[in-house]
PDB file of all heavy atoms in Angstrom:
ATOM      1  N   ASP A   1       6.748 -36.025  29.461  1.00  0.00           N
ATOM      2  CA  ASP A   1       8.183 -36.190  29.702  1.00  0.00           C
ATOM      3  C   ASP A   1       8.890 -36.605  28.413  1.00  0.00           C
ATOM      4  O   ASP A   1       9.761 -37.474  28.410  1.00  0.00           O
ATOM      5  CB  ASP A   1       8.432 -37.215  30.814  1.00  0.00           C
ATOM      6  CG  ASP A   1       9.839 -37.102  31.408  1.00  0.00           C
ATOM      7  OD1 ASP A   1      10.425 -36.003  31.325  1.00  0.00           O
ATOM      8  OD2 ASP A   1      10.347 -38.118  31.921  1.00  0.00           O
ATOM      9  N   GLY A   2       8.486 -35.951  27.319  1.00  0.00           N
ATOM     10  CA  GLY A   2       9.043 -36.266  26.008  1.00  0.00           C
ATOM     11  C   GLY A   2      10.326 -35.503  25.729  1.00  0.00           C
ATOM     12  O   GLY A   2      10.932 -34.911  26.633  1.00  0.00           O
ATOM     13  N   PRO A   3      10.766 -35.504  24.488  1.00  0.00           N
ATOM     14  CA  PRO A   3      12.021 -34.848  24.123  1.00  0.00           C
ATOM     15  C   PRO A   3      11.919 -33.332  24.260  1.00  0.00           C
ATOM     16  O   PRO A   3      10.825 -32.769  24.239  1.00  0.00           O
ATOM     17  CB  PRO A   3      12.207 -35.257  22.653  1.00  0.00           C
ATOM     18  CG  PRO A   3      10.815 -35.503  22.163  1.00  0.00           C
ATOM     19  CD  PRO A   3      10.077 -36.098  23.328  1.00  0.00           C
ATOM     20  N   PRO A   4      13.060 -32.649  24.393  1.00  0.00           N
ATOM     21  CA  PRO A   4      13.028 -31.189  24.521  1.00  0.00           C
ATOM     22  C   PRO A   4      12.585 -30.516  23.227  1.00  0.00           C
ATOM     23  O   PRO A   4      13.209 -30.696  22.173  1.00  0.00           O
ATOM     24  CB  PRO A   4      14.480 -30.828  24.869  1.00  0.00           C
ATOM     25  CG  PRO A   4      15.299 -31.971  24.365  1.00  0.00           C
ATOM     26  CD  PRO A   4      14.434 -33.181  24.490  1.00  0.00           C
ATOM     27  N   ILE A   5      11.507 -29.754  23.325  1.00  0.00           N
ATOM     28  CA  ILE A   5      10.989 -28.975  22.196  1.00  0.00           C
ATOM     29  C   ILE A   5      10.771 -27.554  22.693  1.00  0.00           C
ATOM     30  O   ILE A   5      10.046 -27.332  23.662  1.00  0.00           O
ATOM     31  CB  ILE A   5       9.686 -29.572  21.646  1.00  0.00           C
ATOM     32  CG1 ILE A   5       9.940 -30.983  21.098  1.00  0.00           C
ATOM     33  CG2 ILE A   5       9.102 -28.667  20.560  1.00  0.00           C
ATOM     34  CD1 ILE A   5       8.681 -31.701  20.648  1.00  0.00           C
ATOM     35  N   SER A   6      11.415 -26.610  22.058  1.00  0.00           N
ATOM     36  CA  SER A   6      11.351 -25.207  22.449  1.00  0.00           C
ATOM     37  C   SER A   6      10.588 -24.393  21.413  1.00  0.00           C
ATOM     38  O   SER A   6      10.317 -24.867  20.299  1.00  0.00           O
ATOM     39  CB  SER A   6      12.767 -24.647  22.626  1.00  0.00           C
ATOM     40  OG  SER A   6      13.475 -25.347  23.631  1.00  0.00           O
ATOM     41  N   VAL A   7      10.244 -23.159  21.782  1.00  0.00           N
ATOM     42  CA  VAL A   7       9.400 -22.311  20.936  1.00  0.00           C
ATOM     43  C   VAL A   7      10.028 -20.928  20.809  1.00  0.00           C
ATOM     44  O   VAL A   7      10.577 -20.401  21.787  1.00  0.00           O
ATOM     45  CB  VAL A   7       7.979 -22.163  21.537  1.00  0.00           C
ATOM     46  CG1 VAL A   7       7.069 -21.417  20.558  1.00  0.00           C
ATOM     47  CG2 VAL A   7       7.392 -23.514  21.890  1.00  0.00           C
ATOM     48  N   VAL A   8       9.922 -20.329  19.613  1.00  0.00           N
ATOM     49  CA  VAL A   8      10.393 -18.960  19.415  1.00  0.00           C
ATOM     50  C   VAL A   8       9.288 -18.126  18.784  1.00  0.00           C
ATOM     51  O   VAL A   8       8.529 -18.602  17.937  1.00  0.00           O
ATOM     52  CB  VAL A   8      11.671 -18.925  18.542  1.00  0.00           C
ATOM     53  CG1 VAL A   8      11.407 -19.500  17.144  1.00  0.00           C
ATOM     54  CG2 VAL A   8      12.207 -17.508  18.433  1.00  0.00           C
ATOM     55  N   ASN A   9       9.217 -16.880  19.227  1.00  0.00           N
ATOM     56  CA  ASN A   9       8.306 -15.882  18.672  1.00  0.00           C
ATOM     57  C   ASN A   9       9.171 -14.708  18.220  1.00  0.00           C
ATOM     58  O   ASN A   9       9.535 -13.844  19.020  1.00  0.00           O
ATOM     59  CB  ASN A   9       7.298 -15.454  19.741  1.00  0.00           C
ATOM     60  CG  ASN A   9       6.354 -14.364  19.264  1.00  0.00           C
ATOM     61  OD1 ASN A   9       6.218 -14.122  18.068  1.00  0.00           O
ATOM     62  ND2 ASN A   9       5.703 -13.691  20.211  1.00  0.00           N
ATOM     63  N   PHE A  10       9.545 -14.700  16.937  1.00  0.00           N
ATOM     64  CA  PHE A  10      10.449 -13.674  16.436  1.00  0.00           C
ATOM     65  C   PHE A  10       9.749 -12.314  16.367  1.00  0.00           C
ATOM     66  O   PHE A  10       8.535 -12.223  16.231  1.00  0.00           O
ATOM     67  CB  PHE A  10      10.985 -14.050  15.057  1.00  0.00           C
ATOM     68  CG  PHE A  10      12.025 -15.130  15.085  1.00  0.00           C
ATOM     69  CD1 PHE A  10      11.783 -16.366  14.520  1.00  0.00           C
ATOM     70  CD2 PHE A  10      13.243 -14.910  15.705  1.00  0.00           C
ATOM     71  CE1 PHE A  10      12.739 -17.366  14.548  1.00  0.00           C
ATOM     72  CE2 PHE A  10      14.206 -15.907  15.751  1.00  0.00           C
ATOM     73  CZ  PHE A  10      13.954 -17.145  15.171  1.00  0.00           C
ATOM     74  N   GLN A  11      10.560 -11.255  16.441  1.00  0.00           N
ATOM     75  CA  GLN A  11      10.051  -9.884  16.413  1.00  0.00           C
ATOM     76  C   GLN A  11      10.189  -9.283  15.010  1.00  0.00           C
ATOM     77  O   GLN A  11      11.153  -9.564  14.289  1.00  0.00           O
ATOM     78  CB  GLN A  11      10.798  -9.032  17.442  1.00  0.00           C
ATOM     79  CG  GLN A  11      10.334  -7.588  17.561  1.00  0.00           C
ATOM     80  CD  GLN A  11       8.870  -7.448  17.929  1.00  0.00           C
ATOM     81  OE1 GLN A  11       8.008  -7.597  17.069  1.00  0.00           O
ATOM     82  NE2 GLN A  11       8.581  -7.154  19.195  1.00  0.00           N
ATOM     83  N   ASP A  12       9.228  -8.471  14.629  1.00  0.00           N
ATOM     84  CA  ASP A  12       9.227  -7.678  13.398  1.00  0.00           C
ATOM     85  C   ASP A  12       9.508  -8.506  12.145  1.00  0.00           C
ATOM     86  O   ASP A  12      10.272  -8.081  11.279  1.00  0.00           O
ATOM     87  CB  ASP A  12      10.217  -6.519  13.492  1.00  0.00           C
ATOM     88  CG  ASP A  12       9.980  -5.479  12.392  1.00  0.00           C
ATOM     89  OD1 ASP A  12       8.830  -5.357  11.933  1.00  0.00           O
ATOM     90  OD2 ASP A  12      10.944  -4.802  11.985  1.00  0.00           O
ATOM     91  N   GLU A  13       8.867  -9.642  12.024  1.00  0.00           N
ATOM     92  CA  GLU A  13       8.966 -10.397  10.773  1.00  0.00           C
ATOM     93  C   GLU A  13       8.307  -9.633   9.637  1.00  0.00           C
ATOM     94  O   GLU A  13       8.756  -9.714   8.482  1.00  0.00           O
ATOM     95  CB  GLU A  13       8.299 -11.771  10.948  1.00  0.00           C
ATOM     96  CG  GLU A  13       8.570 -12.755   9.810  1.00  0.00           C
ATOM     97  CD  GLU A  13       7.594 -12.640   8.650  1.00  0.00           C
ATOM     98  OE1 GLU A  13       6.588 -11.895   8.763  1.00  0.00           O
ATOM     99  OE2 GLU A  13       7.827 -13.295   7.618  1.00  0.00           O
ATOM    100  N   GLU A  14       7.248  -8.898   9.946  1.00  0.00           N
ATOM    101  CA  GLU A  14       6.456  -8.237   8.915  1.00  0.00           C
ATOM    102  C   GLU A  14       7.113  -6.989   8.344  1.00  0.00           C
ATOM    103  O   GLU A  14       6.618  -6.405   7.379  1.00  0.00           O
ATOM    104  CB  GLU A  14       5.065  -7.887   9.459  1.00  0.00           C
ATOM    105  CG  GLU A  14       4.218  -9.094   9.844  1.00  0.00           C
ATOM    106  CD  GLU A  14       3.780  -9.937   8.656  1.00  0.00           C
ATOM    107  OE1 GLU A  14       4.160  -9.606   7.514  1.00  0.00           O
ATOM    108  OE2 GLU A  14       3.059 -10.924   8.867  1.00  0.00           O
ATOM    109  N   GLY A  15       8.223  -6.547   8.918  1.00  0.00           N
ATOM    110  CA  GLY A  15       9.006  -5.519   8.268  1.00  0.00           C
ATOM    111  C   GLY A  15       8.650  -4.089   8.587  1.00  0.00           C
ATOM    112  O   GLY A  15       8.750  -3.228   7.715  1.00  0.00           O
ATOM    113  N   ARG A  16       8.251  -3.819   9.818  1.00  0.00           N
ATOM    114  CA  ARG A  16       8.074  -2.412  10.180  1.00  0.00           C
ATOM    115  C   ARG A  16       9.392  -1.668   9.994  1.00  0.00           C
ATOM    116  O   ARG A  16       9.404  -0.506   9.568  1.00  0.00           O
ATOM    117  CB  ARG A  16       7.593  -2.292  11.628  1.00  0.00           C
ATOM    118  CG  ARG A  16       7.475  -0.843  12.098  1.00  0.00           C
ATOM    119  CD  ARG A  16       7.011  -0.717  13.543  1.00  0.00           C
ATOM    120  NE  ARG A  16       7.080   0.662  13.997  1.00  0.00           N
ATOM    121  CZ  ARG A  16       6.816   1.067  15.240  1.00  0.00           C
ATOM    122  NH1 ARG A  16       6.437   0.175  16.152  1.00  0.00           N
ATOM    123  NH2 ARG A  16       6.911   2.343  15.567  1.00  0.00           N
ATOM    124  N   PHE A  17      10.500  -2.335  10.301  1.00  0.00           N
ATOM    125  CA  PHE A  17      11.808  -1.686  10.202  1.00  0.00           C
ATOM    126  C   PHE A  17      12.715  -2.291   9.132  1.00  0.00           C
ATOM    127  O   PHE A  17      13.690  -1.665   8.743  1.00  0.00           O
ATOM    128  CB  PHE A  17      12.527  -1.735  11.548  1.00  0.00           C
ATOM    129  CG  PHE A  17      11.910  -0.833  12.579  1.00  0.00           C
ATOM    130  CD1 PHE A  17      10.981  -1.319  13.474  1.00  0.00           C
ATOM    131  CD2 PHE A  17      12.239   0.507  12.629  1.00  0.00           C
ATOM    132  CE1 PHE A  17      10.392  -0.498  14.424  1.00  0.00           C
ATOM    133  CE2 PHE A  17      11.653   1.350  13.579  1.00  0.00           C
ATOM    134  CZ  PHE A  17      10.731   0.849  14.474  1.00  0.00           C
ATOM    135  N   GLY A  18      12.463  -3.486   8.696  1.00  0.00           N
ATOM    136  CA  GLY A  18      13.358  -4.111   7.723  1.00  0.00           C
ATOM    137  C   GLY A  18      12.726  -5.367   7.156  1.00  0.00           C
ATOM    138  O   GLY A  18      11.509  -5.471   7.036  1.00  0.00           O
ATOM    139  N   VAL A  19      13.550  -6.324   6.802  1.00  0.00           N
ATOM    140  CA  VAL A  19      13.085  -7.596   6.246  1.00  0.00           C
ATOM    141  C   VAL A  19      13.319  -8.685   7.285  1.00  0.00           C
ATOM    142  O   VAL A  19      14.460  -8.980   7.632  1.00  0.00           O
ATOM    143  CB  VAL A  19      13.838  -7.928   4.940  1.00  0.00           C
ATOM    144  CG1 VAL A  19      13.357  -9.254   4.373  1.00  0.00           C
ATOM    145  CG2 VAL A  19      13.645  -6.811   3.912  1.00  0.00           C
ATOM    146  N   THR A  20      12.249  -9.261   7.832  1.00  0.00           N
ATOM    147  CA  THR A  20      12.346 -10.288   8.889  1.00  0.00           C
ATOM    148  C   THR A  20      13.381  -9.862   9.934  1.00  0.00           C
ATOM    149  O   THR A  20      14.293 -10.611  10.273  1.00  0.00           O
ATOM    150  CB  THR A  20      12.699 -11.673   8.304  1.00  0.00           C
ATOM    151  OG1 THR A  20      13.960 -11.608   7.626  1.00  0.00           O
ATOM    152  CG2 THR A  20      11.634 -12.147   7.345  1.00  0.00           C
ATOM    153  N   THR A  21      13.194  -8.692  10.494  1.00  0.00           N
ATOM    154  CA  THR A  21      14.240  -8.021  11.265  1.00  0.00           C
ATOM    155  C   THR A  21      14.752  -8.840  12.446  1.00  0.00           C
ATOM    156  O   THR A  21      15.970  -8.994  12.631  1.00  0.00           O
ATOM    157  CB  THR A  21      13.718  -6.664  11.780  1.00  0.00           C
ATOM    158  OG1 THR A  21      13.027  -5.995  10.737  1.00  0.00           O
ATOM    159  CG2 THR A  21      14.862  -5.802  12.284  1.00  0.00           C
ATOM    160  N   GLY A  22      13.834  -9.363  13.275  1.00  0.00           N
ATOM    161  CA  GLY A  22      14.261 -10.054  14.488  1.00  0.00           C
ATOM    162  C   GLY A  22      15.105 -11.272  14.220  1.00  0.00           C
ATOM    163  O   GLY A  22      16.191 -11.441  14.804  1.00  0.00           O
ATOM    164  N   SER A  23      14.651 -12.148  13.319  1.00  0.00           N
ATOM    165  CA  SER A  23      15.424 -13.355  13.018  1.00  0.00           C
ATOM    166  C   SER A  23      16.684 -13.023  12.224  1.00  0.00           C
ATOM    167  O   SER A  23      17.689 -13.738  12.329  1.00  0.00           O
ATOM    168  CB  SER A  23      14.565 -14.373  12.261  1.00  0.00           C
ATOM    169  OG  SER A  23      14.093 -13.849  11.034  1.00  0.00           O
ATOM    170  N   ALA A  24      16.648 -11.950  11.431  1.00  0.00           N
ATOM    171  CA  ALA A  24      17.843 -11.541  10.691  1.00  0.00           C
ATOM    172  C   ALA A  24      18.966 -11.155  11.652  1.00  0.00           C
ATOM    173  O   ALA A  24      20.140 -11.486  11.430  1.00  0.00           O
ATOM    174  CB  ALA A  24      17.516 -10.383   9.755  1.00  0.00           C
ATOM    175  N   ILE A  25      18.610 -10.461  12.726  1.00  0.00           N
ATOM    176  CA  ILE A  25      19.610 -10.069  13.713  1.00  0.00           C
ATOM    177  C   ILE A  25      20.096 -11.276  14.506  1.00  0.00           C
ATOM    178  O   ILE A  25      21.303 -11.478  14.697  1.00  0.00           O
ATOM    179  CB  ILE A  25      19.029  -8.993  14.656  1.00  0.00           C
ATOM    180  CG1 ILE A  25      18.708  -7.718  13.870  1.00  0.00           C
ATOM    181  CG2 ILE A  25      19.994  -8.692  15.802  1.00  0.00           C
ATOM    182  CD1 ILE A  25      17.851  -6.733  14.624  1.00  0.00           C
ATOM    183  N   TRP A  26      19.161 -12.118  14.958  1.00  0.00           N
ATOM    184  CA  TRP A  26      19.529 -13.276  15.784  1.00  0.00           C
ATOM    185  C   TRP A  26      20.408 -14.256  15.013  1.00  0.00           C
ATOM    186  O   TRP A  26      21.302 -14.877  15.582  1.00  0.00           O
ATOM    187  CB  TRP A  26      18.273 -13.980  16.290  1.00  0.00           C
ATOM    188  CG  TRP A  26      18.543 -14.971  17.379  1.00  0.00           C
ATOM    189  CD1 TRP A  26      19.021 -14.697  18.626  1.00  0.00           C
ATOM    190  CD2 TRP A  26      18.347 -16.383  17.321  1.00  0.00           C
ATOM    191  NE1 TRP A  26      19.134 -15.862  19.360  1.00  0.00           N
ATOM    192  CE2 TRP A  26      18.722 -16.901  18.578  1.00  0.00           C
ATOM    193  CE3 TRP A  26      17.876 -17.249  16.341  1.00  0.00           C
ATOM    194  CZ2 TRP A  26      18.655 -18.274  18.879  1.00  0.00           C
ATOM    195  CZ3 TRP A  26      17.808 -18.605  16.637  1.00  0.00           C
ATOM    196  CH2 TRP A  26      18.193 -19.103  17.892  1.00  0.00           C
ATOM    197  N   SER A  27      20.180 -14.369  13.702  1.00  0.00           N
ATOM    198  CA  SER A  27      20.953 -15.301  12.882  1.00  0.00           C
ATOM    199  C   SER A  27      22.307 -14.744  12.466  1.00  0.00           C
ATOM    200  O   SER A  27      23.149 -15.466  11.941  1.00  0.00           O
ATOM    201  CB  SER A  27      20.170 -15.678  11.628  1.00  0.00           C
ATOM    202  OG  SER A  27      20.009 -14.542  10.785  1.00  0.00           O
ATOM    203  N   GLY A  28      22.512 -13.444  12.669  1.00  0.00           N
ATOM    204  CA  GLY A  28      23.754 -12.816  12.247  1.00  0.00           C
ATOM    205  C   GLY A  28      23.713 -12.275  10.836  1.00  0.00           C
ATOM    206  O   GLY A  28      24.704 -11.725  10.350  1.00  0.00           O
ATOM    207  N   ASN A  29      22.577 -12.393  10.151  1.00  0.00           N
ATOM    208  CA  ASN A  29      22.462 -11.865   8.793  1.00  0.00           C
ATOM    209  C   ASN A  29      22.381 -10.343   8.766  1.00  0.00           C
ATOM    210  O   ASN A  29      22.654  -9.727   7.732  1.00  0.00           O
ATOM    211  CB  ASN A  29      21.233 -12.449   8.098  1.00  0.00           C
ATOM    212  CG  ASN A  29      21.430 -13.886   7.664  1.00  0.00           C
ATOM    213  OD1 ASN A  29      22.563 -14.334   7.483  1.00  0.00           O
ATOM    214  ND2 ASN A  29      20.343 -14.625   7.510  1.00  0.00           N
ATOM    215  N   LEU A  30      21.988  -9.742   9.887  1.00  0.00           N
ATOM    216  CA  LEU A  30      21.880  -8.286   9.986  1.00  0.00           C
ATOM    217  C   LEU A  30      22.551  -7.833  11.275  1.00  0.00           C
ATOM    218  O   LEU A  30      22.090  -8.177  12.365  1.00  0.00           O
ATOM    219  CB  LEU A  30      20.410  -7.861   9.982  1.00  0.00           C
ATOM    220  CG  LEU A  30      20.103  -6.372  10.169  1.00  0.00           C
ATOM    221  CD1 LEU A  30      20.677  -5.557   9.011  1.00  0.00           C
ATOM    222  CD2 LEU A  30      18.593  -6.141  10.280  1.00  0.00           C
ATOM    223  N   PRO A  31      23.653  -7.078  11.192  1.00  0.00           N
ATOM    224  CA  PRO A  31      24.318  -6.599  12.411  1.00  0.00           C
ATOM    225  C   PRO A  31      23.380  -5.723  13.239  1.00  0.00           C
ATOM    226  O   PRO A  31      22.638  -4.892  12.702  1.00  0.00           O
ATOM    227  CB  PRO A  31      25.507  -5.793  11.879  1.00  0.00           C
ATOM    228  CG  PRO A  31      25.745  -6.329  10.497  1.00  0.00           C
ATOM    229  CD  PRO A  31      24.390  -6.696   9.974  1.00  0.00           C
ATOM    230  N   ALA A  32      23.420  -5.886  14.549  1.00  0.00           N
ATOM    231  CA  ALA A  32      22.504  -5.154  15.433  1.00  0.00           C
ATOM    232  C   ALA A  32      22.701  -3.649  15.335  1.00  0.00           C
ATOM    233  O   ALA A  32      21.722  -2.885  15.400  1.00  0.00           O
ATOM    234  CB  ALA A  32      22.686  -5.625  16.873  1.00  0.00           C
ATOM    235  N   ASP A  33      23.961  -3.202  15.172  1.00  0.00           N
ATOM    236  CA  ASP A  33      24.182  -1.758  15.105  1.00  0.00           C
ATOM    237  C   ASP A  33      23.629  -1.161  13.818  1.00  0.00           C
ATOM    238  O   ASP A  33      23.151  -0.019  13.792  1.00  0.00           O
ATOM    239  CB  ASP A  33      25.674  -1.439  15.256  1.00  0.00           C
ATOM    240  CG  ASP A  33      26.535  -2.069  14.168  1.00  0.00           C
ATOM    241  OD1 ASP A  33      26.116  -3.097  13.600  1.00  0.00           O
ATOM    242  OD2 ASP A  33      27.626  -1.539  13.886  1.00  0.00           O
TER     243      ASP A  33
END
């Protein structure tokens, strides 16, 4: 019953399509379109 701690598993960090693609989109650094 400790403090709230959440977990994320980002997609395509390794760059199949870009540079850290999943987190880049979620952060707004890369527009989804």
